[in-house]
């Protein structure tokens, strides 16, 4: 596609067993989904999204805030407006 992929910063983790040998190695966990041009996706999901062929599953779509989460944010910001307001008795 001639496109340059810029991935968000990603975290990796390693789990070890009792003998000190690697039990599990994980890759591709985005730390800041706003960076890059892969829709905030890391690993193989970010690659496929970045080249224009995302896999047809929900996990391969960029993050989209739900209306429920937006509503909770609105409640939080509205209640901040009333903090410190004293009611007269």
N, C-alpha and C. Protein backbone atom coordinates (compact mmCIF):
# COMPACT_ATOMS: atom_id res chain seq x y z
N UNK A 1 0.82 -1.21 0.00
CA UNK A 1 0.00 0.00 0.00
C UNK A 1 0.86 1.26 0.00
N UNK A 2 2.15 1.13 0.27
CA UNK A 2 3.02 2.29 0.32
C UNK A 2 2.80 3.15 1.55
N UNK A 3 2.05 2.68 2.50
CA UNK A 3 1.72 3.44 3.70
C UNK A 3 2.73 3.16 4.80
N UNK A 4 3.14 4.19 5.51
CA UNK A 4 4.04 4.01 6.66
C UNK A 4 3.19 3.84 7.91
N UNK A 5 3.40 2.76 8.62
CA UNK A 5 2.64 2.51 9.85
C UNK A 5 3.35 3.12 11.04
N UNK A 6 2.58 3.81 11.87
CA UNK A 6 3.09 4.37 13.11
C UNK A 6 2.22 3.79 14.23
N UNK A 7 2.81 2.89 15.00
CA UNK A 7 2.08 2.23 16.08
C UNK A 7 2.12 3.06 17.35
N UNK A 8 1.11 2.94 18.20
CA UNK A 8 1.19 3.58 19.51
C UNK A 8 2.24 2.87 20.36
N UNK A 9 2.73 3.52 21.42
CA UNK A 9 3.66 2.81 22.29
C UNK A 9 2.95 1.59 22.89
N UNK A 10 3.68 0.48 22.94
CA UNK A 10 3.08 -0.77 23.40
C UNK A 10 3.81 -1.33 24.62
N UNK A 11 3.08 -2.07 25.42
CA UNK A 11 3.66 -2.74 26.59
C UNK A 11 3.81 -4.22 26.29
N UNK A 12 4.83 -4.78 26.86
CA UNK A 12 5.08 -6.22 26.74
C UNK A 12 5.18 -6.77 28.16
N UNK A 13 4.85 -8.01 28.35
CA UNK A 13 5.00 -8.61 29.67
C UNK A 13 5.50 -10.05 29.53
N UNK A 14 6.21 -10.47 30.56
CA UNK A 14 6.74 -11.83 30.61
C UNK A 14 6.40 -12.42 31.96
N UNK A 15 5.85 -13.63 31.94
CA UNK A 15 5.57 -14.38 33.19
C UNK A 15 6.52 -15.56 33.24
N UNK A 16 7.01 -15.83 34.44
CA UNK A 16 7.96 -16.92 34.62
C UNK A 16 7.37 -17.99 35.52
N UNK A 17 7.83 -19.24 35.33
CA UNK A 17 7.40 -20.32 36.22
C UNK A 17 8.37 -20.39 37.41
N UNK A 18 8.17 -21.38 38.28
CA UNK A 18 8.98 -21.50 39.49
C UNK A 18 10.46 -21.74 39.18
N UNK A 19 10.77 -22.34 38.06
CA UNK A 19 12.15 -22.61 37.67
C UNK A 19 12.81 -21.39 36.98
N UNK A 20 12.08 -20.31 36.82
CA UNK A 20 12.62 -19.12 36.19
C UNK A 20 12.56 -19.13 34.68
N UNK A 21 11.84 -20.10 34.11
CA UNK A 21 11.70 -20.17 32.66
C UNK A 21 10.45 -19.39 32.24
N UNK A 22 10.51 -18.86 31.03
CA UNK A 22 9.38 -18.08 30.54
C UNK A 22 8.16 -18.97 30.36
N UNK A 23 7.07 -18.54 30.98
CA UNK A 23 5.81 -19.28 30.90
C UNK A 23 4.88 -18.61 29.88
N UNK A 24 4.93 -17.27 29.81
CA UNK A 24 4.04 -16.53 28.91
C UNK A 24 4.71 -15.22 28.51
N UNK A 25 4.59 -14.88 27.24
CA UNK A 25 5.14 -13.63 26.71
C UNK A 25 4.02 -12.94 25.95
N UNK A 26 3.61 -11.76 26.40
CA UNK A 26 2.52 -11.05 25.74
C UNK A 26 3.07 -9.81 25.04
N UNK A 27 2.45 -9.44 23.93
CA UNK A 27 2.88 -8.27 23.16
C UNK A 27 1.66 -7.51 22.66
N UNK A 28 1.89 -6.26 22.29
CA UNK A 28 0.87 -5.50 21.58
C UNK A 28 -0.19 -4.82 22.41
N UNK A 29 0.09 -4.48 23.67
CA UNK A 29 -0.89 -3.75 24.47
C UNK A 29 -0.61 -2.25 24.35
N UNK A 30 -1.45 -1.49 23.62
CA UNK A 30 -1.21 -0.07 23.44
C UNK A 30 -1.29 0.70 24.77
N UNK A 31 -0.34 1.61 24.95
CA UNK A 31 -0.31 2.42 26.16
C UNK A 31 -0.97 3.78 25.95
N UNK A 32 -0.99 4.28 24.72
CA UNK A 32 -1.63 5.55 24.40
C UNK A 32 -2.26 5.42 23.01
N UNK A 33 -3.54 5.12 22.97
CA UNK A 33 -4.22 4.84 21.71
C UNK A 33 -4.34 6.04 20.79
N UNK A 34 -4.01 7.24 21.29
CA UNK A 34 -4.11 8.44 20.46
C UNK A 34 -2.90 8.64 19.56
N UNK A 35 -1.84 7.85 19.79
CA UNK A 35 -0.61 7.99 19.01
C UNK A 35 -0.65 7.05 17.81
N UNK A 36 -0.13 7.50 16.69
CA UNK A 36 0.00 6.63 15.52
C UNK A 36 -1.17 6.70 14.56
N UNK A 37 -1.10 5.82 13.56
CA UNK A 37 -2.16 5.79 12.54
C UNK A 37 -2.78 4.40 12.40
N UNK A 38 -2.78 3.64 13.50
CA UNK A 38 -3.36 2.30 13.47
C UNK A 38 -4.66 2.23 14.27
N UNK A 39 -5.29 3.37 14.46
CA UNK A 39 -6.56 3.39 15.18
C UNK A 39 -6.42 3.06 16.65
N UNK A 40 -5.22 3.23 17.20
CA UNK A 40 -4.99 2.91 18.60
C UNK A 40 -4.78 1.44 18.86
N UNK A 41 -4.70 0.66 17.80
CA UNK A 41 -4.54 -0.79 17.95
C UNK A 41 -3.06 -1.15 17.88
N UNK A 42 -2.69 -2.19 18.60
CA UNK A 42 -1.31 -2.64 18.58
C UNK A 42 -1.19 -4.04 17.99
N UNK A 43 0.03 -4.49 17.86
CA UNK A 43 0.28 -5.85 17.37
C UNK A 43 -0.27 -6.06 15.98
N UNK A 44 -0.69 -7.29 15.72
CA UNK A 44 -1.23 -7.65 14.40
C UNK A 44 -2.51 -6.89 14.09
N UNK A 45 -3.33 -6.61 15.10
CA UNK A 45 -4.58 -5.87 14.86
C UNK A 45 -4.26 -4.49 14.28
N UNK A 46 -3.25 -3.82 14.85
CA UNK A 46 -2.85 -2.51 14.36
C UNK A 46 -2.31 -2.57 12.94
N UNK A 47 -1.55 -3.62 12.65
CA UNK A 47 -0.99 -3.77 11.29
C UNK A 47 -2.12 -3.87 10.26
N UNK A 48 -3.06 -4.79 10.50
CA UNK A 48 -4.15 -4.98 9.52
C UNK A 48 -5.01 -3.72 9.39
N UNK A 49 -5.29 -3.06 10.51
CA UNK A 49 -6.07 -1.82 10.44
C UNK A 49 -5.29 -0.74 9.69
N UNK A 50 -4.00 -0.64 9.98
CA UNK A 50 -3.17 0.39 9.37
C UNK A 50 -3.02 0.26 7.87
N UNK A 51 -3.02 -0.96 7.34
CA UNK A 51 -2.89 -1.13 5.89
C UNK A 51 -4.25 -1.13 5.19
N UNK A 52 -5.32 -0.93 5.96
CA UNK A 52 -6.65 -0.81 5.37
C UNK A 52 -7.42 -2.10 5.25
N UNK A 53 -6.99 -3.17 5.93
CA UNK A 53 -7.69 -4.44 5.89
C UNK A 53 -7.93 -4.98 7.30
N UNK A 54 -8.73 -4.26 8.11
CA UNK A 54 -8.94 -4.75 9.47
C UNK A 54 -9.68 -6.08 9.47
N UNK A 55 -9.36 -6.91 10.45
CA UNK A 55 -10.08 -8.18 10.59
C UNK A 55 -11.52 -7.89 11.00
N UNK A 56 -12.48 -8.70 10.55
CA UNK A 56 -13.90 -8.38 10.79
C UNK A 56 -14.40 -8.82 12.16
N UNK A 57 -13.71 -8.41 13.22
CA UNK A 57 -14.16 -8.70 14.59
C UNK A 57 -14.10 -7.41 15.39
N UNK A 58 -14.93 -7.27 16.43
CA UNK A 58 -14.98 -6.01 17.19
C UNK A 58 -13.63 -5.58 17.77
N UNK A 59 -12.78 -6.53 18.16
CA UNK A 59 -11.49 -6.19 18.76
C UNK A 59 -10.56 -5.50 17.78
N UNK A 60 -10.85 -5.60 16.49
CA UNK A 60 -10.00 -5.00 15.46
C UNK A 60 -10.52 -3.66 14.98
N UNK A 61 -11.40 -3.07 15.75
CA UNK A 61 -11.92 -1.75 15.41
C UNK A 61 -11.36 -0.75 16.42
N UNK A 62 -11.11 0.49 16.00
CA UNK A 62 -10.62 1.49 16.94
C UNK A 62 -11.61 1.71 18.08
N UNK A 63 -11.07 2.16 19.20
CA UNK A 63 -11.90 2.44 20.38
C UNK A 63 -12.94 3.49 20.05
N UNK A 64 -14.15 3.24 20.49
CA UNK A 64 -15.23 4.21 20.33
C UNK A 64 -15.98 4.25 21.66
N UNK A 65 -16.07 5.44 22.22
CA UNK A 65 -16.72 5.60 23.51
C UNK A 65 -18.21 5.27 23.38
N UNK A 66 -18.73 4.46 24.29
CA UNK A 66 -20.16 4.12 24.28
C UNK A 66 -20.97 5.31 24.80
N UNK A 67 -22.23 5.34 24.47
CA UNK A 67 -23.08 6.42 24.95
C UNK A 67 -23.19 6.35 26.48
N UNK A 68 -23.14 5.12 27.05
CA UNK A 68 -23.22 4.98 28.50
C UNK A 68 -22.01 5.62 29.17
N UNK A 69 -20.83 5.40 28.61
CA UNK A 69 -19.61 5.98 29.18
C UNK A 69 -19.64 7.50 29.04
N UNK A 70 -20.10 7.98 27.91
CA UNK A 70 -20.25 9.42 27.70
C UNK A 70 -21.21 10.04 28.69
N UNK A 71 -22.29 9.32 28.97
CA UNK A 71 -23.28 9.81 29.94
C UNK A 71 -22.68 9.89 31.34
N UNK A 72 -21.91 8.87 31.73
CA UNK A 72 -21.25 8.90 33.04
C UNK A 72 -20.26 10.05 33.13
N UNK A 73 -19.54 10.34 32.06
CA UNK A 73 -18.62 11.48 32.05
C UNK A 73 -19.39 12.79 32.18
N UNK A 74 -20.54 12.87 31.55
CA UNK A 74 -21.36 14.07 31.65
C UNK A 74 -21.84 14.26 33.09
N UNK A 75 -22.28 13.19 33.73
CA UNK A 75 -22.71 13.28 35.14
C UNK A 75 -21.56 13.76 36.01
N UNK A 76 -20.38 13.20 35.80
CA UNK A 76 -19.21 13.59 36.60
C UNK A 76 -18.89 15.07 36.41
N UNK A 77 -18.90 15.54 35.16
CA UNK A 77 -18.57 16.95 34.92
C UNK A 77 -19.65 17.87 35.47
N UNK A 78 -20.91 17.44 35.42
CA UNK A 78 -22.01 18.25 35.94
C UNK A 78 -21.92 18.36 37.46
N UNK A 79 -21.61 17.25 38.12
CA UNK A 79 -21.53 17.30 39.59
C UNK A 79 -20.34 18.13 40.05
N UNK A 80 -19.28 18.22 39.23
CA UNK A 80 -18.14 19.07 39.58
C UNK A 80 -18.55 20.53 39.63
N UNK A 81 -19.53 20.91 38.84
CA UNK A 81 -20.01 22.30 38.84
C UNK A 81 -20.63 22.67 40.19
N UNK A 82 -21.17 21.68 40.90
CA UNK A 82 -21.84 21.94 42.16
C UNK A 82 -20.97 21.74 43.38
N UNK A 83 -19.76 21.25 43.19
CA UNK A 83 -18.87 21.04 44.31
C UNK A 83 -18.48 22.39 44.91
N UNK A 84 -18.55 22.46 46.20
CA UNK A 84 -18.19 23.70 46.88
C UNK A 84 -19.34 24.68 46.99
N UNK A 85 -20.47 24.41 46.35
CA UNK A 85 -21.63 25.29 46.46
C UNK A 85 -22.32 24.98 47.78
N UNK A 86 -22.50 26.01 48.60
CA UNK A 86 -23.14 25.81 49.91
C UNK A 86 -24.60 26.22 49.84
N UNK A 87 -25.42 25.37 50.39
CA UNK A 87 -26.85 25.67 50.46
C UNK A 87 -27.15 26.40 51.75
N UNK A 88 -27.98 27.41 51.69
CA UNK A 88 -28.36 28.12 52.90
C UNK A 88 -29.44 27.35 53.61
N UNK A 89 -29.33 27.33 54.93
CA UNK A 89 -30.35 26.61 55.72
C UNK A 89 -31.45 27.50 56.17
